[in-house]
Amino acid sequence: IPERRHARAGLIAANAYALGVFTVAMARRLNADLGVSPA
């Protein structure tokens, strides 16, 4: 996104979504006793 303010808002939303999905994936791994995935 070229415009700074809109890019910042988009990056906040996209990184928050990514963080949520990655956290749920890690929680599932830990719940299934697969251990922590370094990546």
PDB file of all heavy atoms in Angstrom:
ATOM      1  N   ILE A   1       0.857  -1.189   0.000  1.00  0.00           N
ATOM      2  CA  ILE A   1       0.000   0.000   0.000  1.00  0.00           C
ATOM      3  C   ILE A   1       0.891   1.237   0.000  1.00  0.00           C
ATOM      4  O   ILE A   1       1.734   1.407   0.893  1.00  0.00           O
ATOM      5  CB  ILE A   1      -0.935   0.017   1.225  1.00  0.00           C
ATOM      6  CG1 ILE A   1      -1.901  -1.168   1.165  1.00  0.00           C
ATOM      7  CG2 ILE A   1      -1.698   1.336   1.313  1.00  0.00           C
ATOM      8  CD1 ILE A   1      -2.726  -1.349   2.427  1.00  0.00           C
ATOM      9  N   PRO A   2       0.721   2.125  -0.976  1.00  0.00           N
ATOM     10  CA  PRO A   2       1.646   3.260  -1.088  1.00  0.00           C
ATOM     11  C   PRO A   2       1.477   4.339  -0.008  1.00  0.00           C
ATOM     12  O   PRO A   2       2.457   4.927   0.432  1.00  0.00           O
ATOM     13  CB  PRO A   2       1.368   3.822  -2.476  1.00  0.00           C
ATOM     14  CG  PRO A   2       0.043   3.305  -2.873  1.00  0.00           C
ATOM     15  CD  PRO A   2      -0.195   2.052  -2.095  1.00  0.00           C
ATOM     16  N   GLU A   3       0.255   4.622   0.408  1.00  0.00           N
ATOM     17  CA  GLU A   3       0.018   5.712   1.362  1.00  0.00           C
ATOM     18  C   GLU A   3       0.363   5.233   2.775  1.00  0.00           C
ATOM     19  O   GLU A   3      -0.091   4.187   3.214  1.00  0.00           O
ATOM     20  CB  GLU A   3      -1.445   6.150   1.272  1.00  0.00           C
ATOM     21  CG  GLU A   3      -1.693   7.586   1.682  1.00  0.00           C
ATOM     22  CD  GLU A   3      -1.787   7.741   3.181  1.00  0.00           C
ATOM     23  OE1 GLU A   3      -2.475   6.941   3.815  1.00  0.00           O
ATOM     24  OE2 GLU A   3      -1.156   8.662   3.707  1.00  0.00           O
ATOM     25  N   ARG A   4       1.192   5.990   3.479  1.00  0.00           N
ATOM     26  CA  ARG A   4       1.756   5.568   4.765  1.00  0.00           C
ATOM     27  C   ARG A   4       0.734   5.224   5.842  1.00  0.00           C
ATOM     28  O   ARG A   4       0.852   4.203   6.512  1.00  0.00           O
ATOM     29  CB  ARG A   4       2.662   6.680   5.296  1.00  0.00           C
ATOM     30  CG  ARG A   4       4.091   6.324   5.324  1.00  0.00           C
ATOM     31  CD  ARG A   4       4.858   7.497   5.925  1.00  0.00           C
ATOM     32  NE  ARG A   4       5.460   7.119   7.166  1.00  0.00           N
ATOM     33  CZ  ARG A   4       6.732   6.787   7.272  1.00  0.00           C
ATOM     34  NH1 ARG A   4       7.499   6.788   6.224  1.00  0.00           N
ATOM     35  NH2 ARG A   4       7.232   6.448   8.430  1.00  0.00           N
ATOM     36  N   ARG A   5      -0.242   6.093   6.033  1.00  0.00           N
ATOM     37  CA  ARG A   5      -1.224   5.843   7.103  1.00  0.00           C
ATOM     38  C   ARG A   5      -2.041   4.592   6.838  1.00  0.00           C
ATOM     39  O   ARG A   5      -2.296   3.804   7.739  1.00  0.00           O
ATOM     40  CB  ARG A   5      -2.156   7.044   7.273  1.00  0.00           C
ATOM     41  CG  ARG A   5      -1.503   8.219   7.980  1.00  0.00           C
ATOM     42  CD  ARG A   5      -2.458   9.368   8.115  1.00  0.00           C
ATOM     43  NE  ARG A   5      -2.860   9.792   6.777  1.00  0.00           N
ATOM     44  CZ  ARG A   5      -4.029  10.305   6.469  1.00  0.00           C
ATOM     45  NH1 ARG A   5      -4.929  10.475   7.390  1.00  0.00           N
ATOM     46  NH2 ARG A   5      -4.313  10.672   5.234  1.00  0.00           N
ATOM     47  N   HIS A   6      -2.444   4.418   5.588  1.00  0.00           N
ATOM     48  CA  HIS A   6      -3.230   3.238   5.241  1.00  0.00           C
ATOM     49  C   HIS A   6      -2.371   1.972   5.294  1.00  0.00           C
ATOM     50  O   HIS A   6      -2.847   0.912   5.707  1.00  0.00           O
ATOM     51  CB  HIS A   6      -3.864   3.401   3.856  1.00  0.00           C
ATOM     52  CG  HIS A   6      -4.816   4.546   3.774  1.00  0.00           C
ATOM     53  ND1 HIS A   6      -5.961   4.626   4.538  1.00  0.00           N
ATOM     54  CD2 HIS A   6      -4.791   5.671   3.028  1.00  0.00           C
ATOM     55  CE1 HIS A   6      -6.605   5.751   4.264  1.00  0.00           C
ATOM     56  NE2 HIS A   6      -5.907   6.405   3.350  1.00  0.00           N
ATOM     57  N   ALA A   7      -1.118   2.108   4.897  1.00  0.00           N
ATOM     58  CA  ALA A   7      -0.202   0.966   4.970  1.00  0.00           C
ATOM     59  C   ALA A   7      -0.006   0.542   6.427  1.00  0.00           C
ATOM     60  O   ALA A   7      -0.011  -0.656   6.736  1.00  0.00           O
ATOM     61  CB  ALA A   7       1.129   1.307   4.335  1.00  0.00           C
ATOM     62  N   ARG A   8       0.147   1.517   7.320  1.00  0.00           N
ATOM     63  CA  ARG A   8       0.329   1.211   8.741  1.00  0.00           C
ATOM     64  C   ARG A   8      -0.878   0.471   9.291  1.00  0.00           C
ATOM     65  O   ARG A   8      -0.746  -0.540   9.976  1.00  0.00           O
ATOM     66  CB  ARG A   8       0.571   2.501   9.530  1.00  0.00           C
ATOM     67  CG  ARG A   8       0.767   2.291  11.007  1.00  0.00           C
ATOM     68  CD  ARG A   8       1.071   3.624  11.715  1.00  0.00           C
ATOM     69  NE  ARG A   8       1.161   3.434  13.128  1.00  0.00           N
ATOM     70  CZ  ARG A   8       0.123   3.547  13.976  1.00  0.00           C
ATOM     71  NH1 ARG A   8      -1.058   3.878  13.524  1.00  0.00           N
ATOM     72  NH2 ARG A   8       0.296   3.344  15.268  1.00  0.00           N
ATOM     73  N   ALA A   9      -2.072   0.962   8.961  1.00  0.00           N
ATOM     74  CA  ALA A   9      -3.293   0.304   9.429  1.00  0.00           C
ATOM     75  C   ALA A   9      -3.407  -1.111   8.856  1.00  0.00           C
ATOM     76  O   ALA A   9      -3.771  -2.054   9.568  1.00  0.00           O
ATOM     77  CB  ALA A   9      -4.514   1.135   9.040  1.00  0.00           C
ATOM     78  N   GLY A  10      -3.091  -1.258   7.580  1.00  0.00           N
ATOM     79  CA  GLY A  10      -3.137  -2.576   6.963  1.00  0.00           C
ATOM     80  C   GLY A  10      -2.124  -3.532   7.557  1.00  0.00           C
ATOM     81  O   GLY A  10      -2.413  -4.710   7.776  1.00  0.00           O
ATOM     82  N   LEU A  11      -0.920  -3.026   7.826  1.00  0.00           N
ATOM     83  CA  LEU A  11       0.112  -3.865   8.430  1.00  0.00           C
ATOM     84  C   LEU A  11      -0.247  -4.268   9.855  1.00  0.00           C
ATOM     85  O   LEU A  11       0.038  -5.395  10.280  1.00  0.00           O
ATOM     86  CB  LEU A  11       1.461  -3.138   8.403  1.00  0.00           C
ATOM     87  CG  LEU A  11       2.131  -3.064   7.042  1.00  0.00           C
ATOM     88  CD1 LEU A  11       3.289  -2.071   7.071  1.00  0.00           C
ATOM     89  CD2 LEU A  11       2.606  -4.428   6.593  1.00  0.00           C
ATOM     90  N   ILE A  12      -0.867  -3.358  10.599  1.00  0.00           N
ATOM     91  CA  ILE A  12      -1.312  -3.712  11.958  1.00  0.00           C
ATOM     92  C   ILE A  12      -2.338  -4.831  11.885  1.00  0.00           C
ATOM     93  O   ILE A  12      -2.243  -5.838  12.602  1.00  0.00           O
ATOM     94  CB  ILE A  12      -1.881  -2.481  12.693  1.00  0.00           C
ATOM     95  CG1 ILE A  12      -0.745  -1.521  13.070  1.00  0.00           C
ATOM     96  CG2 ILE A  12      -2.667  -2.896  13.942  1.00  0.00           C
ATOM     97  CD1 ILE A  12      -1.216  -0.182  13.610  1.00  0.00           C
ATOM     98  N   ALA A  13      -3.326  -4.695  11.010  1.00  0.00           N
ATOM     99  CA  ALA A  13      -4.366  -5.720  10.886  1.00  0.00           C
ATOM    100  C   ALA A  13      -3.788  -7.047  10.403  1.00  0.00           C
ATOM    101  O   ALA A  13      -4.107  -8.114  10.945  1.00  0.00           O
ATOM    102  CB  ALA A  13      -5.458  -5.235   9.932  1.00  0.00           C
ATOM    103  N   ALA A  14      -2.923  -6.996   9.388  1.00  0.00           N
ATOM    104  CA  ALA A  14      -2.362  -8.227   8.825  1.00  0.00           C
ATOM    105  C   ALA A  14      -1.442  -8.934   9.824  1.00  0.00           C
ATOM    106  O   ALA A  14      -1.496 -10.162   9.965  1.00  0.00           O
ATOM    107  CB  ALA A  14      -1.607  -7.907   7.539  1.00  0.00           C
ATOM    108  N   ASN A  15      -0.607  -8.171  10.528  1.00  0.00           N
ATOM    109  CA  ASN A  15       0.277  -8.789  11.519  1.00  0.00           C
ATOM    110  C   ASN A  15      -0.501  -9.328  12.716  1.00  0.00           C
ATOM    111  O   ASN A  15      -0.143 -10.360  13.274  1.00  0.00           O
ATOM    112  CB  ASN A  15       1.352  -7.802  11.974  1.00  0.00           C
ATOM    113  CG  ASN A  15       2.526  -7.763  11.034  1.00  0.00           C
ATOM    114  OD1 ASN A  15       3.239  -8.743  10.900  1.00  0.00           O
ATOM    115  ND2 ASN A  15       2.721  -6.649  10.369  1.00  0.00           N
ATOM    116  N   ALA A  16      -1.578  -8.653  13.100  1.00  0.00           N
ATOM    117  CA  ALA A  16      -2.415  -9.156  14.193  1.00  0.00           C
ATOM    118  C   ALA A  16      -3.089 -10.466  13.785  1.00  0.00           C
ATOM    119  O   ALA A  16      -3.144 -11.426  14.569  1.00  0.00           O
ATOM    120  CB  ALA A  16      -3.463  -8.120  14.574  1.00  0.00           C
ATOM    121  N   TYR A  17      -3.589 -10.528  12.556  1.00  0.00           N
ATOM    122  CA  TYR A  17      -4.193 -11.758  12.045  1.00  0.00           C
ATOM    123  C   TYR A  17      -3.156 -12.881  12.006  1.00  0.00           C
ATOM    124  O   TYR A  17      -3.415 -14.003  12.460  1.00  0.00           O
ATOM    125  CB  TYR A  17      -4.789 -11.515  10.660  1.00  0.00           C
ATOM    126  CG  TYR A  17      -5.349 -12.756  10.014  1.00  0.00           C
ATOM    127  CD1 TYR A  17      -6.508 -13.336  10.490  1.00  0.00           C
ATOM    128  CD2 TYR A  17      -4.715 -13.339   8.931  1.00  0.00           C
ATOM    129  CE1 TYR A  17      -7.022 -14.480   9.918  1.00  0.00           C
ATOM    130  CE2 TYR A  17      -5.220 -14.482   8.345  1.00  0.00           C
ATOM    131  CZ  TYR A  17      -6.378 -15.059   8.833  1.00  0.00           C
ATOM    132  OH  TYR A  17      -6.868 -16.185   8.265  1.00  0.00           O
ATOM    133  N   ALA A  18      -1.964 -12.572  11.478  1.00  0.00           N
ATOM    134  CA  ALA A  18      -0.900 -13.575  11.402  1.00  0.00           C
ATOM    135  C   ALA A  18      -0.521 -14.069  12.793  1.00  0.00           C
ATOM    136  O   ALA A  18      -0.374 -15.279  13.014  1.00  0.00           O
ATOM    137  CB  ALA A  18       0.318 -12.992  10.696  1.00  0.00           C
ATOM    138  N   LEU A  19      -0.364 -13.152  13.728  1.00  0.00           N
ATOM    139  CA  LEU A  19      -0.004 -13.528  15.093  1.00  0.00           C
ATOM    140  C   LEU A  19      -1.065 -14.437  15.702  1.00  0.00           C
ATOM    141  O   LEU A  19      -0.743 -15.438  16.358  1.00  0.00           O
ATOM    142  CB  LEU A  19       0.197 -12.278  15.949  1.00  0.00           C
ATOM    143  CG  LEU A  19       0.657 -12.500  17.385  1.00  0.00           C
ATOM    144  CD1 LEU A  19       2.004 -13.206  17.412  1.00  0.00           C
ATOM    145  CD2 LEU A  19       0.748 -11.170  18.116  1.00  0.00           C
ATOM    146  N   GLY A  20      -2.320 -14.130  15.451  1.00  0.00           N
ATOM    147  CA  GLY A  20      -3.404 -14.972  15.970  1.00  0.00           C
ATOM    148  C   GLY A  20      -3.389 -16.373  15.383  1.00  0.00           C
ATOM    149  O   GLY A  20      -3.495 -17.367  16.112  1.00  0.00           O
ATOM    150  N   VAL A  21      -3.233 -16.475  14.082  1.00  0.00           N
ATOM    151  CA  VAL A  21      -3.209 -17.786  13.431  1.00  0.00           C
ATOM    152  C   VAL A  21      -1.986 -18.587  13.875  1.00  0.00           C
ATOM    153  O   VAL A  21      -2.092 -19.780  14.188  1.00  0.00           O
ATOM    154  CB  VAL A  21      -3.241 -17.641  11.894  1.00  0.00           C
ATOM    155  CG1 VAL A  21      -3.006 -18.984  11.207  1.00  0.00           C
ATOM    156  CG2 VAL A  21      -4.569 -17.060  11.443  1.00  0.00           C
ATOM    157  N   PHE A  22      -0.827 -17.944  13.921  1.00  0.00           N
ATOM    158  CA  PHE A  22       0.384 -18.642  14.342  1.00  0.00           C
ATOM    159  C   PHE A  22       0.280 -19.115  15.790  1.00  0.00           C
ATOM    160  O   PHE A  22       0.755 -20.196  16.138  1.00  0.00           O
ATOM    161  CB  PHE A  22       1.613 -17.747  14.177  1.00  0.00           C
ATOM    162  CG  PHE A  22       1.958 -17.408  12.753  1.00  0.00           C
ATOM    163  CD1 PHE A  22       2.553 -16.202  12.451  1.00  0.00           C
ATOM    164  CD2 PHE A  22       1.687 -18.281  11.718  1.00  0.00           C
ATOM    165  CE1 PHE A  22       2.892 -15.877  11.144  1.00  0.00           C
ATOM    166  CE2 PHE A  22       2.018 -17.969  10.406  1.00  0.00           C
ATOM    167  CZ  PHE A  22       2.627 -16.762  10.116  1.00  0.00           C
ATOM    168  N   THR A  23      -0.329 -18.305  16.637  1.00  0.00           N
ATOM    169  CA  THR A  23      -0.487 -18.681  18.041  1.00  0.00           C
ATOM    170  C   THR A  23      -1.429 -19.867  18.193  1.00  0.00           C
ATOM    171  O   THR A  23      -1.162 -20.783  18.980  1.00  0.00           O
ATOM    172  CB  THR A  23      -0.996 -17.474  18.862  1.00  0.00           C
ATOM    173  OG1 THR A  23      -0.088 -16.390  18.695  1.00  0.00           O
ATOM    174  CG2 THR A  23      -1.114 -17.807  20.332  1.00  0.00           C
ATOM    175  N   VAL A  24      -2.516 -19.882  17.443  1.00  0.00           N
ATOM    176  CA  VAL A  24      -3.436 -21.023  17.475  1.00  0.00           C
ATOM    177  C   VAL A  24      -2.738 -22.284  16.964  1.00  0.00           C
ATOM    178  O   VAL A  24      -2.904 -23.368  17.522  1.00  0.00           O
ATOM    179  CB  VAL A  24      -4.720 -20.723  16.656  1.00  0.00           C
ATOM    180  CG1 VAL A  24      -5.553 -21.964  16.464  1.00  0.00           C
ATOM    181  CG2 VAL A  24      -5.530 -19.639  17.336  1.00  0.00           C
ATOM    182  N   ALA A  25      -1.939 -22.142  15.914  1.00  0.00           N
ATOM    183  CA  ALA A  25      -1.195 -23.291  15.391  1.00  0.00           C
ATOM    184  C   ALA A  25      -0.226 -23.838  16.438  1.00  0.00           C
ATOM    185  O   ALA A  25      -0.115 -25.063  16.615  1.00  0.00           O
ATOM    186  CB  ALA A  25      -0.438 -22.898  14.119  1.00  0.00           C
ATOM    187  N   MET A  26       0.463 -22.944  17.146  1.00  0.00           N
ATOM    188  CA  MET A  26       1.382 -23.390  18.190  1.00  0.00           C
ATOM    189  C   MET A  26       0.624 -24.055  19.338  1.00  0.00           C
ATOM    190  O   MET A  26       1.055 -25.087  19.854  1.00  0.00           O
ATOM    191  CB  MET A  26       2.210 -22.219  18.715  1.00  0.00           C
ATOM    192  CG  MET A  26       3.231 -22.607  19.768  1.00  0.00           C
ATOM    193  SD  MET A  26       4.542 -23.673  19.159  1.00  0.00           S
ATOM    194  CE  MET A  26       5.662 -22.454  18.529  1.00  0.00           C
ATOM    195  N   ALA A  27      -0.511 -23.491  19.699  1.00  0.00           N
ATOM    196  CA  ALA A  27      -1.318 -24.085  20.770  1.00  0.00           C
ATOM    197  C   ALA A  27      -1.780 -25.492  20.385  1.00  0.00           C
ATOM    198  O   ALA A  27      -1.778 -26.402  21.217  1.00  0.00           O
ATOM    199  CB  ALA A  27      -2.517 -23.198  21.071  1.00  0.00           C
ATOM    200  N   ARG A  28      -2.167 -25.663  19.139  1.00  0.00           N
ATOM    201  CA  ARG A  28      -2.566 -27.004  18.677  1.00  0.00           C
ATOM    202  C   ARG A  28      -1.409 -27.986  18.743  1.00  0.00           C
ATOM    203  O   ARG A  28      -1.581 -29.143  19.113  1.00  0.00           O
ATOM    204  CB  ARG A  28      -3.090 -26.934  17.251  1.00  0.00           C
ATOM    205  CG  ARG A  28      -4.519 -26.570  17.166  1.00  0.00           C
ATOM    206  CD  ARG A  28      -4.982 -26.888  15.782  1.00  0.00           C
ATOM    207  NE  ARG A  28      -6.414 -26.926  15.745  1.00  0.00           N
ATOM    208  CZ  ARG A  28      -7.089 -27.176  14.664  1.00  0.00           C
ATOM    209  NH1 ARG A  28      -6.465 -27.436  13.533  1.00  0.00           N
ATOM    210  NH2 ARG A  28      -8.389 -27.190  14.682  1.00  0.00           N
ATOM    211  N   ARG A  29      -0.217 -27.534  18.345  1.00  0.00           N
ATOM    212  CA  ARG A  29       0.961 -28.411  18.410  1.00  0.00           C
ATOM    213  C   ARG A  29       1.246 -28.817  19.852  1.00  0.00           C
ATOM    214  O   ARG A  29       1.526 -29.979  20.135  1.00  0.00           O
ATOM    215  CB  ARG A  29       2.194 -27.706  17.846  1.00  0.00           C
ATOM    216  CG  ARG A  29       2.245 -27.633  16.351  1.00  0.00           C
ATOM    217  CD  ARG A  29       3.583 -27.067  15.890  1.00  0.00           C
ATOM    218  NE  ARG A  29       4.713 -27.842  16.344  1.00  0.00           N
ATOM    219  CZ  ARG A  29       5.196 -28.929  15.739  1.00  0.00           C
ATOM    220  NH1 ARG A  29       4.618 -29.368  14.648  1.00  0.00           N
ATOM    221  NH2 ARG A  29       6.241 -29.567  16.222  1.00  0.00           N
ATOM    222  N   LEU A  30       1.179 -27.852  20.755  1.00  0.00           N
ATOM    223  CA  LEU A  30       1.473 -28.151  22.148  1.00  0.00           C
ATOM    224  C   LEU A  30       0.397 -29.036  22.766  1.00  0.00           C
ATOM    225  O   LEU A  30       0.697 -29.901  23.589  1.00  0.00           O
ATOM    226  CB  LEU A  30       1.628 -26.852  22.939  1.00  0.00           C
ATOM    227  CG  LEU A  30       2.838 -25.997  22.550  1.00  0.00           C
ATOM    228  CD1 LEU A  30       2.810 -24.680  23.294  1.00  0.00           C
ATOM    229  CD2 LEU A  30       4.132 -26.748  22.794  1.00  0.00           C
ATOM    230  N   ASN A  31      -0.850 -28.822  22.354  1.00  0.00           N
ATOM    231  CA  ASN A  31      -1.953 -29.646  22.864  1.00  0.00           C
ATOM    232  C   ASN A  31      -1.821 -31.093  22.396  1.00  0.00           C
ATOM    233  O   ASN A  31      -2.203 -32.014  23.107  1.00  0.00           O
ATOM    234  CB  ASN A  31      -3.296 -29.062  22.419  1.00  0.00           C
ATOM    235  CG  ASN A  31      -4.463 -29.684  23.141  1.00  0.00           C
ATOM    236  OD1 ASN A  31      -4.356 -30.017  24.318  1.00  0.00           O
ATOM    237  ND2 ASN A  31      -5.559 -29.847  22.438  1.00  0.00           N
ATOM    238  N   ALA A  32      -1.275 -31.299  21.208  1.00  0.00           N
ATOM    239  CA  ALA A  32      -1.096 -32.642  20.665  1.00  0.00           C
ATOM    240  C   ALA A  32       0.253 -33.248  21.076  1.00  0.00           C
ATOM    241  O   ALA A  32       0.645 -34.294  20.553  1.00  0.00           O
ATOM    242  CB  ALA A  32      -1.205 -32.600  19.142  1.00  0.00           C
ATOM    243  N   ASP A  33       0.959 -32.607  22.001  1.00  0.00           N
ATOM    244  CA  ASP A  33       2.265 -33.062  22.489  1.00  0.00           C
ATOM    245  C   ASP A  33       3.286 -33.238  21.370  1.00  0.00           C
ATOM    246  O   ASP A  33       4.109 -34.148  21.386  1.00  0.00           O
ATOM    247  CB  ASP A  33       2.126 -34.377  23.271  1.00  0.00           C
ATOM    248  CG  ASP A  33       1.402 -34.191  24.588  1.00  0.00           C
ATOM    249  OD1 ASP A  33       1.524 -33.093  25.169  1.00  0.00           O
ATOM    250  OD2 ASP A  33       0.711 -35.128  25.027  1.00  0.00           O
ATOM    251  N   LEU A  34       3.249 -32.327  20.377  1.00  0.00           N
ATOM    252  CA  LEU A  34       4.220 -32.360  19.288  1.00  0.00           C
ATOM    253  C   LEU A  34       5.433 -31.496  19.582  1.00  0.00           C
ATOM    254  O   LEU A  34       6.395 -31.493  18.829  1.00  0.00           O
ATOM    255  CB  LEU A  34       3.561 -31.903  17.981  1.00  0.00           C
ATOM    256  CG  LEU A  34       2.438 -32.795  17.470  1.00  0.00           C
ATOM    257  CD1 LEU A  34       1.790 -32.166  16.244  1.00  0.00           C
ATOM    258  CD2 LEU A  34       2.957 -34.183  17.157  1.00  0.00           C
ATOM    259  N   GLY A  35       5.377 -30.735  20.645  1.00  0.00           N
ATOM    260  CA  GLY A  35       6.503 -29.881  21.010  1.00  0.00           C
ATOM    261  C   GLY A  35       6.479 -28.543  20.290  1.00  0.00           C
ATOM    262  O   GLY A  35       5.634 -28.282  19.444  1.00  0.00           O
ATOM    263  N   VAL A  36       7.438 -27.723  20.630  1.00  0.00           N
ATOM    264  CA  VAL A  36       7.533 -26.388  20.059  1.00  0.00           C
ATOM    265  C   VAL A  36       8.218 -26.470  18.699  1.00  0.00           C
ATOM    266  O   VAL A  36       9.264 -27.083  18.559  1.00  0.00           O
ATOM    267  CB  VAL A  36       8.327 -25.459  21.003  1.00  0.00           C
ATOM    268  CG1 VAL A  36       8.570 -24.113  20.362  1.00  0.00           C
ATOM    269  CG2 VAL A  36       7.600 -25.302  22.326  1.00  0.00           C
ATOM    270  N   SER A  37       7.613 -25.842  17.709  1.00  0.00           N
ATOM    271  CA  SER A  37       8.213 -25.746  16.389  1.00  0.00           C
ATOM    272  C   SER A  37       9.079 -24.492  16.355  1.00  0.00           C
ATOM    273  O   SER A  37       8.562 -23.383  16.496  1.00  0.00           O
ATOM    274  CB  SER A  37       7.128 -25.657  15.322  1.00  0.00           C
ATOM    275  OG  SER A  37       7.672 -25.259  14.096  1.00  0.00           O
ATOM    276  N   PRO A  38      10.397 -24.638  16.160  1.00  0.00           N
ATOM    277  CA  PRO A  38      11.267 -23.455  16.146  1.00  0.00           C
ATOM    278  C   PRO A  38      10.884 -22.445  15.057  1.00  0.00           C
ATOM    279  O   PRO A  38      10.903 -21.246  15.297  1.00  0.00           O
ATOM    280  CB  PRO A  38      12.661 -24.032  15.890  1.00  0.00           C
ATOM    281  CG  PRO A  38      12.576 -25.454  16.326  1.00  0.00           C
ATOM    282  CD  PRO A  38      11.167 -25.879  16.058  1.00  0.00           C
ATOM    283  N   ALA A  39      10.528 -22.931  13.875  1.00  0.00           N
ATOM    284  CA  ALA A  39      10.153 -22.016  12.789  1.00  0.00           C
ATOM    285  C   ALA A  39       8.884 -21.246  13.146  1.00  0.00           C
ATOM    286  O   ALA A  39       8.782 -20.043  12.896  1.00  0.00           O
ATOM    287  CB  ALA A  39       9.952 -22.791  11.492  1.00  0.00           C
TER     288      ALA A  39
END
